[in-house]
Amino acid sequence: MYRVVYEDKNVLIIDKLVPVPTLRQGSNGGLSDEVLLEFPYLTNIKDCGFTHRLDNETLGLILIAKNDNYYSKIRELFSEKKINKLYLARVRGLLPTEKGVIDTPVAHSAKSTKKMIAVKEGYRIFRGHPRNAVTEWKVLNRRADSTDLELCARTGVRHQIRVHLASIEHPICGDRLYGKDINDYPSLMLISKSLNFICPESGDKIGAVSTLTLDSMFGYIR
């Protein structure tokens, strides 16, 4: 279900290998249950030390704090946008340029509690207040009917990358929530690929790279 890719006295970085919830949701288990079997002391830390979450279907790197003090420090780094994360995605269709930026606010859908929407100019059907959201992307590879991208989410809005790509008519392959044609993919083709930050105590750079690739994440190549 997961693989440890980095560990020191304060932090774990794990590779989420299967599409499950990051944390337990009511009676439904999550990745945290498996991690606690190996690291039972994490149960005493808020959110079992998980400093952020991935969508259920998203695979790849998750940063876990091993003590309360470091949990607070990592959460502060996230709020200050000092955690650098890159994602890989395979999207429907062929993007016409090599790189770009999607700068569109994101809000909760008025039609579904599960969905978010990109709030384009003049659009008024949403719940709550839209949040600023910026996603940078660049092309890594073009295939017959899809494109592989590297992405950086400059903001941390729920479902941001998925919503932004769907808003430019290039939904992520296998996205059952924001895409349409999903039959060729068993799940979402999105990986949290790399993660790094400067240790708030030592000043050293800490980071890791996921072992997953878009061609290997489900054991097949398209």
Protein backbone atom coordinates (compact mmCIF):
# COMPACT_ATOMS: atom_id res chain seq x y z
CA MET A 1 0.00 0.00 0.00
CA TYR A 2 2.95 2.33 0.61
CA ARG A 3 6.74 2.47 0.56
CA VAL A 4 9.03 4.56 2.79
CA VAL A 5 11.34 6.61 0.55
CA TYR A 6 12.92 8.88 3.18
CA GLU A 7 13.18 8.85 6.97
CA ASP A 8 15.02 10.79 9.67
CA LYS A 9 14.30 11.54 13.33
CA ASN A 10 11.60 14.10 12.49
CA VAL A 11 9.94 13.08 9.25
CA LEU A 12 8.83 10.26 6.99
CA ILE A 13 8.20 10.61 3.27
CA ILE A 14 6.17 7.73 1.90
CA ASP A 15 5.08 6.68 -1.57
CA LYS A 16 1.33 6.01 -1.71
CA LEU A 17 0.99 3.08 -4.13
CA VAL A 18 -2.76 2.41 -4.26
CA PRO A 19 -5.86 4.62 -4.66
CA VAL A 20 -7.22 4.80 -1.10
CA PRO A 21 -8.11 7.67 1.29
CA THR A 22 -5.08 9.22 2.98
CA LEU A 23 -6.74 9.21 6.42
CA ARG A 24 -9.46 7.02 7.92
CA GLN A 25 -12.93 8.38 7.09
CA GLY A 26 -15.43 7.22 9.70
CA SER A 27 -15.65 3.43 9.49
CA ASN A 28 -13.75 3.40 6.20
CA GLY A 29 -10.05 2.63 6.50
CA GLY A 30 -7.29 4.70 4.99
CA LEU A 31 -3.58 4.70 4.27
CA SER A 32 -2.98 5.98 7.80
CA ASP A 33 -4.19 2.64 9.22
CA GLU A 34 -1.42 0.80 7.40
CA VAL A 35 1.22 3.35 8.38
CA LEU A 36 0.22 3.08 12.06
CA LEU A 37 0.89 -0.65 12.00
CA GLU A 38 4.54 0.10 11.28
CA PHE A 39 4.77 3.39 13.22
CA PRO A 40 2.24 3.07 16.08
CA TYR A 41 3.55 6.12 17.98
CA LEU A 42 2.11 8.36 15.23
CA THR A 43 -1.35 7.85 16.72
CA ASN A 44 -0.44 10.47 19.35
CA ILE A 45 0.18 13.16 16.73
CA LYS A 46 -2.53 15.23 15.06
CA ASP A 47 -3.78 13.53 11.87
CA CYS A 48 -1.36 10.69 12.70
CA GLY A 49 1.42 13.01 11.59
CA PHE A 50 0.10 13.40 8.01
CA THR A 51 0.87 17.04 7.20
CA HIS A 52 -1.20 17.02 4.00
CA ARG A 53 -3.45 14.73 2.01
CA LEU A 54 -3.70 13.41 -1.50
CA ASP A 55 -7.02 12.82 -3.22
CA ASN A 56 -8.14 9.20 -2.83
CA GLU A 57 -7.15 8.37 -6.41
CA THR A 58 -3.86 10.31 -6.49
CA LEU A 59 -0.68 8.30 -5.91
CA GLY A 60 2.80 9.37 -4.85
CA LEU A 61 4.56 11.24 -2.08
CA ILE A 62 3.12 12.19 1.31
CA LEU A 63 5.04 14.00 4.06
CA ILE A 64 4.54 12.72 7.63
CA ALA A 65 5.85 14.40 10.79
CA LYS A 66 7.11 12.09 13.56
CA ASN A 67 6.45 14.49 16.45
CA ASP A 68 4.08 17.34 17.37
CA ASN A 69 6.75 20.02 17.12
CA TYR A 70 7.76 19.08 13.60
CA TYR A 71 4.11 18.68 12.56
CA SER A 72 3.52 22.33 13.45
CA LYS A 73 6.67 23.44 11.64
CA ILE A 74 5.79 21.54 8.45
CA ARG A 75 2.24 22.90 8.48
CA GLU A 76 3.73 26.38 8.76
CA LEU A 77 6.00 25.71 5.78
CA PHE A 78 2.95 24.62 3.77
CA SER A 79 1.08 27.80 4.71
CA GLU A 80 4.11 29.87 3.66
CA LYS A 81 4.34 27.92 0.36
CA LYS A 82 7.85 26.68 1.21
CA ILE A 83 7.17 23.03 0.39
CA ASN A 84 8.05 22.42 -3.27
CA LYS A 85 5.97 19.73 -4.96
CA LEU A 86 5.83 18.54 -8.56
CA TYR A 87 3.18 16.30 -10.09
CA LEU A 88 2.95 14.15 -13.20
CA ALA A 89 -0.30 13.71 -15.10
CA ARG A 90 -1.51 12.13 -18.32
CA VAL A 91 -4.30 14.19 -19.84
CA ARG A 92 -6.76 13.72 -22.66
CA GLY A 93 -5.88 15.30 -25.99
CA LEU A 94 -2.81 17.11 -27.29
CA LEU A 95 -1.86 20.45 -25.78
CA PRO A 96 -0.83 22.91 -28.53
CA THR A 97 2.02 24.63 -26.64
CA GLU A 98 4.97 23.41 -24.57
CA LYS A 99 4.07 25.09 -21.28
CA GLY A 100 1.49 27.32 -19.70
CA VAL A 101 -0.14 28.69 -16.58
CA ILE A 102 -3.77 28.25 -15.50
CA ASP A 103 -4.75 31.15 -13.26
CA THR A 104 -8.43 30.62 -12.50
CA PRO A 105 -10.16 30.77 -9.09
CA VAL A 106 -11.69 27.54 -7.79
CA ALA A 107 -14.87 27.20 -5.72
CA HIS A 108 -17.23 24.52 -4.44
CA SER A 109 -19.79 23.34 -6.97
CA ALA A 110 -23.39 24.35 -6.32
CA LYS A 111 -24.56 21.08 -7.88
CA SER A 112 -22.37 18.50 -6.12
CA THR A 113 -20.74 18.38 -2.69
CA LYS A 114 -18.00 16.19 -4.15
CA LYS A 115 -16.90 18.57 -6.88
CA MET A 116 -15.05 21.85 -7.24
CA ILE A 117 -15.34 24.16 -10.24
CA ALA A 118 -13.14 26.66 -12.05
CA VAL A 119 -14.82 30.06 -11.71
CA LYS A 120 -14.34 31.72 -15.06
CA GLU A 121 -15.27 35.34 -15.70
CA GLY A 122 -19.00 35.87 -15.48
CA TYR A 123 -19.71 32.47 -13.88
CA ARG A 124 -21.88 32.79 -10.79
CA ILE A 125 -23.11 29.27 -9.95
CA PHE A 126 -20.98 28.09 -7.03
CA ARG A 127 -21.00 27.81 -3.25
CA GLY A 128 -18.97 29.92 -0.86
CA HIS A 129 -16.14 32.18 -1.95
CA PRO A 130 -13.79 31.31 -4.83
CA ARG A 131 -10.14 30.86 -3.88
CA ASN A 132 -7.25 32.00 -6.03
CA ALA A 133 -5.60 29.04 -7.74
CA VAL A 134 -2.54 28.91 -10.01
CA THR A 135 -1.23 25.79 -11.76
CA GLU A 136 1.89 25.76 -13.96
CA TRP A 137 2.37 22.98 -16.50
CA LYS A 138 4.84 21.85 -19.13
CA VAL A 139 4.70 19.08 -21.71
CA LEU A 140 6.90 16.04 -21.17
CA ASN A 141 5.60 13.79 -23.94
CA ARG A 142 2.84 13.68 -26.54
CA ARG A 143 1.11 10.43 -27.44
CA ALA A 144 -1.50 9.58 -30.06
CA ASP A 145 -4.42 10.91 -28.03
CA SER A 146 -2.94 12.11 -24.75
CA THR A 147 -0.20 14.30 -23.29
CA ASP A 148 2.10 13.72 -20.31
CA LEU A 149 2.61 16.82 -18.16
CA GLU A 150 4.74 18.00 -15.26
CA LEU A 151 2.75 20.32 -13.01
CA CYS A 152 3.34 22.65 -10.10
CA ALA A 153 0.40 23.84 -8.03
CA ARG A 154 1.40 27.27 -6.73
CA THR A 155 -1.65 27.26 -4.48
CA GLY A 156 -3.24 24.45 -2.49
CA VAL A 157 -6.93 24.40 -3.34
CA ARG A 158 -8.88 21.14 -3.18
CA HIS A 159 -8.83 19.24 -6.50
CA GLN A 160 -6.98 22.19 -8.03
CA ILE A 161 -4.95 20.37 -10.68
CA ARG A 162 -7.87 18.19 -11.72
CA VAL A 163 -10.29 21.11 -11.97
CA HIS A 164 -7.84 23.35 -13.82
CA LEU A 165 -6.99 20.74 -16.45
CA ALA A 166 -10.65 19.90 -16.99
CA SER A 167 -11.36 23.64 -17.38
CA ILE A 168 -9.06 23.83 -20.42
CA GLU A 169 -10.69 20.71 -21.88
CA HIS A 170 -7.79 18.38 -21.10
CA PRO A 171 -9.05 16.35 -18.12
CA ILE A 172 -6.71 13.87 -16.48
CA CYS A 173 -7.05 10.38 -17.91
CA GLY A 174 -9.09 8.13 -15.64
CA ASP A 175 -10.69 11.03 -13.75
CA ARG A 176 -14.15 9.73 -12.92
CA LEU A 177 -15.19 13.01 -11.30
CA TYR A 178 -14.06 15.64 -13.80
CA GLY A 179 -13.53 13.61 -16.97
CA LYS A 180 -15.86 11.72 -19.30
CA ASP A 181 -14.13 8.97 -21.28
CA ILE A 182 -12.62 6.80 -18.51
CA ASN A 183 -12.86 3.26 -19.88
CA ASP A 184 -9.18 2.96 -20.84
CA TYR A 185 -7.82 3.74 -17.37
CA PRO A 186 -8.54 1.99 -14.06
CA SER A 187 -7.97 5.14 -12.01
CA LEU A 188 -6.65 8.70 -12.01
CA MET A 189 -3.37 9.24 -13.87
CA LEU A 190 -1.91 11.71 -11.37
CA ILE A 191 1.26 11.26 -9.31
CA SER A 192 2.77 13.42 -6.57
CA LYS A 193 6.23 12.92 -8.06
CA SER A 194 8.70 15.01 -6.05
CA LEU A 195 8.77 16.93 -2.80
CA ASN A 196 11.45 19.00 -1.09
CA PHE A 197 11.88 21.67 1.56
CA ILE A 198 14.49 23.25 3.81
CA CYS A 199 14.57 21.68 7.27
CA PRO A 200 13.43 24.38 9.75
CA GLU A 201 15.92 23.07 12.34
CA SER A 202 19.13 22.22 10.49
CA GLY A 203 18.76 24.26 7.31
CA ASP A 204 19.45 21.13 5.23
CA LYS A 205 17.46 20.36 2.10
CA ILE A 206 15.16 17.37 2.56
CA GLY A 207 13.33 15.72 -0.30
CA ALA A 208 12.37 12.61 -2.21
CA VAL A 209 11.22 11.42 -5.63
CA SER A 210 8.42 8.91 -6.13
CA THR A 211 9.34 5.58 -7.66
CA LEU A 212 6.10 5.64 -9.65
CA THR A 213 5.86 6.70 -13.28
CA LEU A 214 2.85 7.26 -15.50
CA ASP A 215 3.71 4.09 -17.42
CA SER A 216 4.20 1.91 -14.35
CA MET A 217 1.65 3.15 -11.81
CA PHE A 218 -0.93 0.54 -12.84
CA GLY A 219 1.41 -2.01 -14.35
CA TYR A 220 0.62 -1.22 -17.96
CA ILE A 221 1.81 1.11 -20.71
CA ARG A 222 -0.39 3.20 -22.95
